[in-house]
């Protein structure tokens, strides 16, 4: 039986909840403040991740990415 990321499943086969957690993990990793580097803008990083994932279409369900994008747009 296959379960999520350990088996390298593509976006459509991974639970939406797991995809959302993975998106949050990527965002968190990108926003870590590193010594000697300026703090990154959260909205810019979110847009960058979404744009990259739309292009690759491997890690996430596109419907989920659209929902995240809409939520972020409404946040501003």
C-alpha atoms as a PDB file:
ATOM      1  CA  UNK A   1       0.000   0.000   0.000  1.00  0.00           C
ATOM      2  CA  UNK A   2       1.382   3.425  -0.970  1.00  0.00           C
ATOM      3  CA  UNK A   3       1.211   6.382   1.383  1.00  0.00           C
ATOM      4  CA  UNK A   4       2.104   9.948   0.362  1.00  0.00           C
ATOM      5  CA  UNK A   5       5.550  11.495   0.182  1.00  0.00           C
ATOM      6  CA  UNK A   6       7.806   8.593   1.179  1.00  0.00           C
ATOM      7  CA  UNK A   7       6.765   6.810  -2.001  1.00  0.00           C
ATOM      8  CA  UNK A   8       7.220   9.901  -4.198  1.00  0.00           C
ATOM      9  CA  UNK A   9       3.597  10.047  -5.321  1.00  0.00           C
ATOM     10  CA  UNK A  10       2.536  12.923  -7.545  1.00  0.00           C
ATOM     11  CA  UNK A  11       0.097  15.640  -6.448  1.00  0.00           C
ATOM     12  CA  UNK A  12      -3.142  14.026  -7.562  1.00  0.00           C
ATOM     13  CA  UNK A  13      -2.472  10.882  -5.501  1.00  0.00           C
ATOM     14  CA  UNK A  14      -1.566  12.603  -2.233  1.00  0.00           C
ATOM     15  CA  UNK A  15      -4.236  13.571   0.284  1.00  0.00           C
ATOM     16  CA  UNK A  16      -5.099  17.267   0.133  1.00  0.00           C
ATOM     17  CA  UNK A  17      -4.358  17.596   3.841  1.00  0.00           C
ATOM     18  CA  UNK A  18      -0.872  16.201   3.293  1.00  0.00           C
ATOM     19  CA  UNK A  19      -0.320  18.541   0.369  1.00  0.00           C
ATOM     20  CA  UNK A  20      -1.303  21.524   2.519  1.00  0.00           C
ATOM     21  CA  UNK A  21       1.139  20.453   5.226  1.00  0.00           C
ATOM     22  CA  UNK A  22       3.853  20.056   2.598  1.00  0.00           C
ATOM     23  CA  UNK A  23       3.109  23.524   1.191  1.00  0.00           C
ATOM     24  CA  UNK A  24       3.407  24.951   4.710  1.00  0.00           C
ATOM     25  CA  UNK A  25       6.701  23.135   5.217  1.00  0.00           C
ATOM     26  CA  UNK A  26       8.132  24.557   1.973  1.00  0.00           C
ATOM     27  CA  UNK A  27       6.975  28.037   2.991  1.00  0.00           C
ATOM     28  CA  UNK A  28       8.512  27.675   6.432  1.00  0.00           C
ATOM     29  CA  UNK A  29      11.813  26.467   4.965  1.00  0.00           C
ATOM     30  CA  UNK A  30      11.934  29.426   2.556  1.00  0.00           C
ATOM     31  CA  UNK A  31      11.198  31.973   5.304  1.00  0.00           C
ATOM     32  CA  UNK A  32      13.947  30.890   7.687  1.00  0.00           C
ATOM     33  CA  UNK A  33      16.081  33.925   8.432  1.00  0.00           C
ATOM     34  CA  UNK A  34      19.708  33.100   7.737  1.00  0.00           C
ATOM     35  CA  UNK A  35      22.593  34.983   9.295  1.00  0.00           C
ATOM     36  CA  UNK A  36      23.743  37.857   7.116  1.00  0.00           C
ATOM     37  CA  UNK A  37      20.719  37.718   4.803  1.00  0.00           C
ATOM     38  CA  UNK A  38      17.703  40.034   4.860  1.00  0.00           C
ATOM     39  CA  UNK A  39      14.308  38.778   5.974  1.00  0.00           C
ATOM     40  CA  UNK A  40      12.182  37.599   3.035  1.00  0.00           C
ATOM     41  CA  UNK A  41       8.726  38.996   2.301  1.00  0.00           C
ATOM     42  CA  UNK A  42       6.125  36.337   3.119  1.00  0.00           C
ATOM     43  CA  UNK A  43       3.736  37.242   0.281  1.00  0.00           C
ATOM     44  CA  UNK A  44       6.530  37.233  -2.289  1.00  0.00           C
ATOM     45  CA  UNK A  45       7.702  33.807  -1.131  1.00  0.00           C
ATOM     46  CA  UNK A  46       4.121  32.461  -1.240  1.00  0.00           C
ATOM     47  CA  UNK A  47       3.680  33.736  -4.815  1.00  0.00           C
ATOM     48  CA  UNK A  48       7.045  32.285  -5.843  1.00  0.00           C
ATOM     49  CA  UNK A  49       6.172  28.842  -4.466  1.00  0.00           C
ATOM     50  CA  UNK A  50       2.749  28.831  -6.121  1.00  0.00           C
ATOM     51  CA  UNK A  51       4.176  29.973  -9.476  1.00  0.00           C
ATOM     52  CA  UNK A  52       6.894  27.311  -9.383  1.00  0.00           C
ATOM     53  CA  UNK A  53       4.417  24.593  -8.474  1.00  0.00           C
ATOM     54  CA  UNK A  54       1.981  25.629 -11.221  1.00  0.00           C
ATOM     55  CA  UNK A  55       4.823  25.273 -13.726  1.00  0.00           C
ATOM     56  CA  UNK A  56       5.995  21.883 -12.473  1.00  0.00           C
ATOM     57  CA  UNK A  57       2.542  20.462 -11.575  1.00  0.00           C
ATOM     58  CA  UNK A  58       4.236  17.561  -9.767  1.00  0.00           C
ATOM     59  CA  UNK A  59       3.894  18.094  -6.028  1.00  0.00           C
ATOM     60  CA  UNK A  60       0.431  19.580  -5.683  1.00  0.00           C
ATOM     61  CA  UNK A  61      -3.086  19.237  -6.985  1.00  0.00           C
ATOM     62  CA  UNK A  62      -3.734  22.306  -9.147  1.00  0.00           C
ATOM     63  CA  UNK A  63      -7.153  22.828  -7.540  1.00  0.00           C
ATOM     64  CA  UNK A  64      -5.467  23.081  -4.150  1.00  0.00           C
ATOM     65  CA  UNK A  65      -2.957  25.609  -5.500  1.00  0.00           C
ATOM     66  CA  UNK A  66      -5.828  27.674  -6.905  1.00  0.00           C
ATOM     67  CA  UNK A  67      -7.576  27.585  -3.530  1.00  0.00           C
ATOM     68  CA  UNK A  68      -4.415  28.675  -1.716  1.00  0.00           C
ATOM     69  CA  UNK A  69      -3.856  31.425  -4.274  1.00  0.00           C
ATOM     70  CA  UNK A  70      -7.433  32.679  -3.805  1.00  0.00           C
ATOM     71  CA  UNK A  71      -7.121  32.645  -0.015  1.00  0.00           C
ATOM     72  CA  UNK A  72      -3.885  34.596  -0.184  1.00  0.00           C
ATOM     73  CA  UNK A  73      -5.409  37.107  -2.591  1.00  0.00           C
ATOM     74  CA  UNK A  74      -8.304  37.685  -0.189  1.00  0.00           C
ATOM     75  CA  UNK A  75      -5.823  38.170   2.657  1.00  0.00           C
ATOM     76  CA  UNK A  76      -4.432  41.360   1.110  1.00  0.00           C
END
